[in-house]
Protein backbone atom coordinates (compact mmCIF):
# COMPACT_ATOMS: atom_id res chain seq x y z
CA MET A 1 13.54 18.48 14.07
CA ARG A 2 17.03 19.41 12.95
CA PHE A 3 18.54 15.93 13.04
CA ALA A 4 15.44 13.88 12.18
CA ARG A 5 16.93 12.33 9.06
CA LEU A 6 20.21 11.36 10.70
CA ALA A 7 18.47 10.11 13.86
CA GLY A 8 15.99 8.05 11.83
CA LEU A 9 18.66 6.37 9.74
CA LEU A 10 20.84 5.62 12.77
CA LEU A 11 17.89 4.08 14.64
CA ALA A 12 17.02 2.04 11.53
CA ALA A 13 20.58 0.70 11.46
CA VAL A 14 20.36 -0.22 15.15
CA ALA A 15 17.08 -2.03 14.45
CA VAL A 16 18.74 -4.02 11.65
CA VAL A 17 21.58 -5.10 13.93
CA LEU A 18 19.13 -6.16 16.65
CA TRP A 19 17.14 -8.11 14.05
CA ALA A 20 20.26 -9.95 12.87
CA VAL A 21 21.36 -10.83 16.41
CA ASN A 22 17.84 -11.95 17.26
CA MET A 23 17.71 -14.19 14.20
CA THR A 24 21.04 -15.95 14.67
CA VAL A 25 21.42 -15.96 18.46
CA LEU A 26 17.98 -15.80 20.09
CA GLN A 27 15.71 -17.59 17.65
CA PRO A 28 17.58 -20.94 17.85
CA LEU A 29 17.10 -20.87 21.64
CA THR A 30 13.31 -20.88 21.23
CA GLU A 31 13.02 -23.82 18.81
CA PRO A 32 12.31 -27.20 20.46
CA ILE A 33 13.62 -30.45 19.01
CA GLY A 34 11.42 -33.40 18.13
CA PRO A 35 8.01 -33.94 16.54
CA TRP A 36 6.32 -35.45 19.61
CA SER A 37 3.28 -33.72 21.02
CA GLU A 38 4.69 -33.53 24.55
CA GLN A 39 7.60 -31.50 23.18
CA LEU A 40 5.51 -29.04 21.19
CA PRO A 41 6.01 -25.44 22.32
CA GLY A 42 3.42 -23.54 24.34
CA ASN A 43 2.32 -19.95 24.79
CA ASN A 44 4.96 -17.28 24.09
CA ALA A 45 7.49 -19.92 23.03
CA TYR A 46 8.59 -17.89 20.02
CA TRP A 47 9.23 -14.69 21.97
CA ALA A 48 12.31 -14.04 19.85
CA ARG A 49 10.11 -13.87 16.76
CA ASP A 50 7.93 -11.19 18.34
CA LEU A 51 10.96 -9.12 19.29
CA ARG A 52 12.36 -9.60 15.79
CA PHE A 53 9.12 -8.52 14.13
CA ALA A 54 9.10 -5.50 16.46
CA THR A 55 12.53 -4.51 15.13
CA ILE A 56 11.24 -4.82 11.56
CA VAL A 57 8.43 -2.42 12.45
CA ALA A 58 11.10 -0.21 14.03
CA VAL A 59 12.90 -0.05 10.68
CA VAL A 60 9.72 1.20 9.02
CA LEU A 61 9.06 3.77 11.75
CA ALA A 62 12.67 4.95 11.63
CA LEU A 63 12.33 5.61 7.90
CA VAL A 64 9.15 7.60 8.58
CA LEU A 65 11.18 9.65 11.06
CA ALA A 66 14.05 10.06 8.59
CA GLY A 67 11.60 11.34 5.99
CA ARG A 68 9.90 13.64 8.52
CA GLY A 69 6.52 12.15 7.62
CA ASP A 70 6.93 12.63 3.87
CA ARG A 71 4.59 10.36 1.91
CA ARG A 72 7.36 9.35 -0.48
CA TRP A 73 9.25 7.79 2.39
CA ILE A 74 6.14 6.13 3.81
CA ARG A 75 5.18 4.61 0.44
CA LEU A 76 8.50 2.78 0.27
CA ALA A 77 9.01 2.13 3.98
CA VAL A 78 5.75 0.20 4.51
CA PRO A 79 6.27 -2.23 1.57
CA LEU A 80 9.86 -2.68 2.70
CA GLY A 81 8.53 -3.87 6.06
CA GLY A 82 6.31 -6.44 4.35
CA VAL A 83 9.17 -7.71 2.21
CA TRP A 84 11.40 -7.84 5.28
CA VAL A 85 8.92 -10.08 7.08
CA ALA A 86 8.96 -12.46 4.10
CA VAL A 87 12.77 -12.46 4.14
CA ASP A 88 12.66 -13.05 7.89
CA LEU A 89 10.57 -16.19 7.45
CA ALA A 90 12.88 -17.50 4.73
CA VAL A 91 16.00 -16.85 6.81
CA ASP A 92 14.37 -18.36 9.89
CA ARG A 93 13.62 -21.50 7.89
CA ALA A 94 17.32 -21.76 7.00
CA ASP A 95 18.26 -21.67 10.74
CA PRO A 96 21.47 -19.60 10.53
CA THR A 97 23.62 -19.48 13.65
CA GLY A 98 27.00 -18.04 14.55
CA ALA A 99 28.90 -14.80 14.13
CA ARG A 100 29.34 -15.00 10.36
CA PRO A 101 25.59 -15.11 9.53
CA THR A 102 25.00 -12.33 12.08
CA VAL A 103 27.50 -10.04 10.36
CA LEU A 104 26.21 -10.91 6.89
CA LEU A 105 22.58 -10.29 7.82
CA ALA A 106 23.38 -7.00 9.55
CA ALA A 107 25.58 -5.80 6.69
CA GLY A 108 23.02 -6.81 4.08
CA GLY A 109 20.19 -5.06 5.92
CA CYS A 110 22.22 -1.88 6.36
CA ALA A 111 23.15 -1.95 2.66
CA VAL A 112 19.46 -2.13 1.73
CA LEU A 113 18.74 0.81 4.03
CA ALA A 114 21.59 2.84 2.56
CA ALA A 115 20.39 2.21 -1.00
CA LEU A 116 16.79 3.05 -0.15
CA ALA A 117 17.76 6.19 1.78
CA THR A 118 19.96 7.39 -1.08
CA LEU A 119 17.08 6.92 -3.53
CA LEU A 120 14.62 8.72 -1.29
CA VAL A 121 16.91 11.62 -0.52
CA ARG A 122 17.45 12.19 -4.23
CA ARG A 123 13.71 12.05 -4.94
CA THR A 124 12.67 14.23 -2.03
CA VAL A 125 11.91 17.77 -3.14
CA ASP A 126 11.05 20.29 -0.45
CA ALA A 127 8.14 22.61 -1.10
CA SER A 128 10.00 25.83 -0.34
CA ALA A 129 13.27 27.21 0.89
CA ALA A 130 11.72 27.72 4.33
CA ASP A 131 10.86 24.01 4.56
CA ARG A 132 14.41 23.10 3.62
CA ARG A 133 15.80 24.99 6.57
CA ALA A 134 16.18 22.67 9.55
CA GLY A 135 13.90 23.26 12.47
CA GLN A 136 11.14 25.01 10.54
CA PRO A 137 7.50 23.97 11.05
CA ILE A 138 6.28 21.16 8.83
CA GLY A 139 2.87 20.52 7.31
CA THR A 140 -0.05 19.14 9.28
CA ALA A 141 -0.16 15.96 7.16
CA HIS A 142 3.50 15.26 7.90
CA ARG A 143 2.97 15.94 11.58
CA CYS A 144 0.03 13.53 11.70
CA ALA A 145 2.11 10.80 10.03
CA LEU A 146 4.92 11.31 12.54
CA ALA A 147 2.50 11.31 15.47
CA ALA A 148 0.89 8.09 14.21
CA ALA A 149 4.35 6.50 13.93
CA ALA A 150 5.05 7.63 17.50
CA SER A 151 1.81 5.98 18.62
CA VAL A 152 2.74 2.63 17.06
CA ALA A 153 6.23 2.78 18.57
CA GLY A 154 4.81 3.71 21.98
CA VAL A 155 2.40 0.77 22.16
CA LEU A 156 5.04 -1.62 20.78
CA THR A 157 7.31 -0.46 23.60
CA MET A 158 4.75 -1.87 26.05
CA VAL A 159 4.69 -5.18 24.17
CA ALA A 160 8.48 -5.52 23.99
CA ALA A 161 8.96 -4.52 27.62
CA GLY A 162 6.44 -7.11 28.84
CA ILE A 163 7.40 -10.00 26.54
CA GLU A 164 7.46 -13.41 28.25
CA SER A 165 8.55 -16.97 27.55
CA PRO A 166 7.12 -20.28 28.83
CA THR A 167 9.75 -20.39 31.59
CA ASP A 168 10.94 -16.76 31.66
CA ARG A 169 14.30 -18.08 32.84
CA GLU A 170 16.36 -17.55 29.67
CA PRO A 171 19.28 -15.23 30.51
CA GLU A 172 19.02 -13.67 27.06
CA LEU A 173 15.35 -12.71 27.41
CA ASN A 174 15.68 -9.65 29.64
CA PRO A 175 18.53 -7.98 27.70
CA ALA A 176 16.75 -8.63 24.39
CA ALA A 177 13.45 -7.21 25.68
CA VAL A 178 15.13 -4.14 27.17
CA ALA A 179 17.10 -3.47 23.97
CA ALA A 180 14.01 -3.69 21.75
CA ALA A 181 11.92 -1.59 24.14
CA ALA A 182 14.65 1.05 24.42
CA LEU A 183 14.91 1.29 20.64
CA LEU A 184 11.14 1.69 20.30
CA THR A 185 11.13 4.30 23.08
CA ALA A 186 13.73 6.34 21.20
CA LEU A 187 11.66 6.07 18.02
CA ALA A 188 8.43 7.06 19.77
CA LEU A 189 9.98 10.14 21.37
CA GLY A 190 11.91 11.02 18.21
CA CYS A 191 8.81 10.86 16.02
CA ALA A 192 6.78 12.87 18.54
CA LEU A 193 9.48 15.54 18.80
CA ALA A 194 9.74 15.71 15.00
CA ALA A 195 5.95 16.17 14.88
CA ALA A 196 6.17 19.28 17.06
CA PRO A 197 5.54 22.58 15.24
CA THR A 198 8.94 23.80 16.47
CA PRO A 199 11.40 21.64 18.46
CA THR A 200 11.98 24.10 21.30
CA TRP A 201 14.37 23.42 24.15
CA PRO A 202 11.57 22.78 26.67
CA ARG A 203 10.27 20.03 24.37
CA ARG A 204 13.77 18.59 23.99
CA TRP A 205 14.31 18.46 27.75
CA LEU A 206 10.86 16.93 28.14
CA ALA A 207 11.86 14.22 25.65
CA VAL A 208 15.02 13.52 27.63
CA GLY A 209 13.08 13.28 30.89
CA ALA A 210 10.37 11.10 29.37
CA GLY A 211 12.99 8.82 27.85
CA ALA A 212 14.79 8.43 31.17
CA ALA A 213 11.53 7.73 33.02
CA THR A 214 10.48 5.17 30.40
CA LEU A 215 13.81 3.36 30.52
CA VAL A 216 13.60 3.17 34.31
CA GLY A 217 10.05 1.84 33.96
CA ILE A 218 11.20 -0.81 31.47
CA GLY A 219 13.93 -1.93 33.84
CA LEU A 220 11.52 -2.14 36.75
CA LEU A 221 8.99 -4.02 34.65
CA ARG A 222 11.57 -6.68 33.79
CA THR A 223 12.18 -7.26 37.50
CA VAL A 224 8.53 -8.30 37.99
CA SER A 225 7.98 -12.00 37.43
CA PRO A 226 5.07 -13.07 35.20
CA GLU A 227 3.58 -14.94 38.15
CA ASP A 228 3.29 -11.67 40.09
CA GLY A 229 1.61 -10.00 37.13
CA ARG A 230 3.08 -7.46 34.74
CA VAL A 231 -0.19 -6.00 33.52
CA LEU A 232 -0.37 -3.06 35.92
CA PRO A 233 3.27 -1.98 35.47
CA GLU A 234 2.84 -2.34 31.71
CA VAL A 235 -0.29 -0.17 31.78
CA LEU A 236 1.48 2.52 33.82
CA LEU A 237 4.50 2.41 31.52
CA GLY A 238 2.32 2.90 28.46
CA ALA A 239 0.35 5.71 30.08
CA VAL A 240 3.50 7.66 30.96
CA LEU A 241 5.05 7.24 27.52
CA LEU A 242 1.92 7.94 25.47
CA THR A 243 1.05 11.00 27.55
CA ALA A 244 4.59 12.28 27.01
CA LEU A 245 4.09 11.81 23.27
CA THR A 246 1.11 14.17 23.32
CA LEU A 247 3.11 16.75 25.28
CA LEU A 248 5.88 16.58 22.69
CA ALA A 249 3.81 16.49 19.51
CA TRP A 250 0.80 18.69 20.21
CA ASP A 251 0.66 22.45 19.86
CA TRP A 252 1.38 24.57 22.92
CA PRO A 253 -1.10 27.46 22.76
CA HIS A 254 0.56 30.68 23.91
CA GLY A 255 3.82 28.81 24.50
CA ARG A 256 2.59 26.31 27.10
CA PRO A 257 0.72 22.97 27.02
CA ASP A 258 -3.05 22.86 27.19
CA TRP A 259 -3.15 20.83 30.41
CA ARG A 260 -6.85 19.98 30.12
CA ARG A 261 -6.26 18.27 26.80
CA HIS A 262 -3.25 16.39 28.11
CA ALA A 263 -5.12 15.29 31.24
CA LEU A 264 -7.80 13.73 29.06
CA ALA A 265 -5.10 12.18 26.89
CA ALA A 266 -3.46 10.70 30.00
CA LEU A 267 -6.75 9.11 31.03
CA ALA A 268 -7.18 7.62 27.58
CA ALA A 269 -3.55 6.43 27.57
CA LEU A 270 -4.15 4.68 30.87
CA ILE A 271 -7.11 2.65 29.64
CA ALA A 272 -7.26 2.40 25.85
CA PRO A 273 -3.89 0.79 24.91
CA MET A 274 -4.33 -2.32 27.06
CA VAL A 275 -7.96 -2.69 25.99
CA MET A 276 -6.91 -2.49 22.34
CA LEU A 277 -4.04 -4.90 22.91
CA LEU A 278 -6.33 -7.47 24.49
CA ALA A 279 -8.86 -7.07 21.67
CA ALA A 280 -6.13 -7.46 19.05
CA VAL A 281 -4.69 -10.54 20.78
CA LEU A 282 -8.13 -12.18 20.95
CA ALA A 283 -8.75 -11.38 17.27
CA THR A 284 -5.44 -12.89 16.18
CA MET A 285 -6.10 -15.95 18.34
CA LEU A 286 -9.52 -16.51 16.78
CA LEU A 287 -8.15 -16.03 13.27
CA ARG A 288 -5.09 -18.21 14.02
CA ILE A 289 -2.82 -15.70 12.31
CA GLY A 290 0.35 -16.89 14.03
CA ALA A 291 0.17 -20.51 12.82
CA PRO A 292 0.99 -19.77 9.13
CA PHE A 293 4.03 -17.72 10.17
CA THR A 294 5.24 -20.61 12.31
CA ALA A 295 4.73 -23.08 9.48
CA LEU A 296 6.42 -20.89 6.85
CA ALA A 297 9.43 -20.49 9.14
CA GLY A 298 9.68 -24.27 9.46
CA ASN A 299 9.18 -24.23 13.22
CA SER A 300 7.24 -26.70 15.37
CA PRO A 301 3.56 -25.80 15.76
CA ILE A 302 2.25 -24.55 19.07
CA HIS A 303 0.57 -27.17 21.27
CA ALA A 304 -3.16 -27.51 20.57
CA ALA A 305 -3.99 -26.56 24.15
CA ASP A 306 -2.19 -23.22 23.73
CA SER A 307 -2.31 -20.34 21.25
CA ASP A 308 0.12 -19.18 18.58
CA VAL A 309 -0.18 -15.44 19.14
CA LEU A 310 1.75 -12.70 17.34
CA LEU A 311 2.04 -10.10 20.09
CA SER A 312 4.02 -7.83 17.79
CA LEU A 313 1.13 -7.72 15.32
CA ALA A 314 -1.30 -7.02 18.16
CA GLY A 315 0.96 -4.15 19.24
CA VAL A 316 0.94 -2.64 15.76
CA LEU A 317 -2.85 -2.88 15.55
CA ALA A 318 -3.28 -1.32 19.00
CA GLY A 319 -0.79 1.39 18.10
CA LEU A 320 -2.76 2.23 14.98
CA GLY A 321 -5.88 2.24 17.13
CA MET A 322 -4.27 4.83 19.42
CA ALA A 323 -3.04 6.91 16.49
CA PRO A 324 -6.22 9.02 16.21
CA LEU A 325 -5.52 10.24 19.75
CA ILE A 326 -1.80 10.95 19.39
CA ALA A 327 -2.25 12.34 15.87
CA TRP A 328 -5.37 14.33 16.79
CA PRO A 329 -5.65 16.97 14.02
CA PRO A 330 -7.01 19.82 16.22
CA ALA A 331 -3.87 19.49 18.35
CA LEU A 332 -1.53 19.53 15.35
CA THR A 333 -2.58 22.66 13.51
CA GLY A 334 0.60 24.60 14.16
CA ARG A 335 -1.46 27.69 14.98
CA ARG A 336 -1.60 29.43 18.28
CA ALA A 337 -4.91 29.64 20.07
CA SER A 338 -6.81 32.78 19.31
CA PRO A 339 -6.82 35.42 22.06
CA ASP A 340 -9.85 35.84 24.26
CA PRO A 341 -12.54 37.82 22.44
CA VAL A 342 -13.09 41.42 23.49
CA PRO A 343 -16.69 41.99 24.60
CA PRO A 344 -18.56 44.39 22.31
CA LEU A 345 -19.37 47.87 23.53
CA ARG A 346 -22.95 48.44 24.60
CA SER A 347 -25.03 50.85 22.66
CA GLY A 348 -24.99 54.28 24.15
CA SER A 349 -21.73 53.70 26.03
CA PRO A 350 -19.17 56.48 25.84
CA HIS A 351 -16.48 56.15 23.16
């Protein structure tokens, strides 16, 4: 994709700004006061933390997009995400609030991105002059990495769009969820389009249409109250987005999609993501993974009758679980399907 590097870096900067606002504006709203058991938070109390962790993952995915799936970018982007989580916990423990900390955190994060991007651009060496020309096909390994990043972003979009709080009445919750989900949607579609063998105009228009449909779906999902159930709209949202990712990233034999493959992908996208999300949530609940993060951030523990669940981590795990489908190697070869074989001539037939 011609503007993959610029788009990736811009989306990474947006993710940093959302992270800073989430830390200084939203996180304080989720922290109860007092050590008494009746005031301990319940399920989904730290929804701001999940949205913030989702933006940290978005930074990593944006760098994968900026590097067009290059391993050099991935090898630095993934550790950066881990370090960023550690910094997040330390900053959360300090409880910054107000405009000044917001600006400082956003500026500091963007400075780190700028330094890392400068280093990576200088170290990146393209294999050939053809690969250096924008819009040329990229290697299968790079395409698989981009498609896997698109898968993680797509499933995380479902998580961010459906995020809840104990009351679900905070006026800041819906805008924060929509902003994070919109960012992840842009990353998912951008990575999938960059994974295409050639970013043709039909694929670009498909990305625009899929993005518009997903944003409408996110808005409609936020209008559904948790009491009425958001599972079905969330499942449908994920199915539409993940199916669109296969249409964008996979090869189009003879210039058009292989509709049988995409129909099977749509069926899998309808069922598998939610199953994987539920499995990941149950696993993190049993392992009590969220409690150490809460303790390290200096926040009140979740009530014993409830669960400290990291939905963002479950989304990443489910996204990686869906990656073998989105990054299916036979669909990312970059080669056109072979023409139908010509039947051999029978013996004795006229020549």
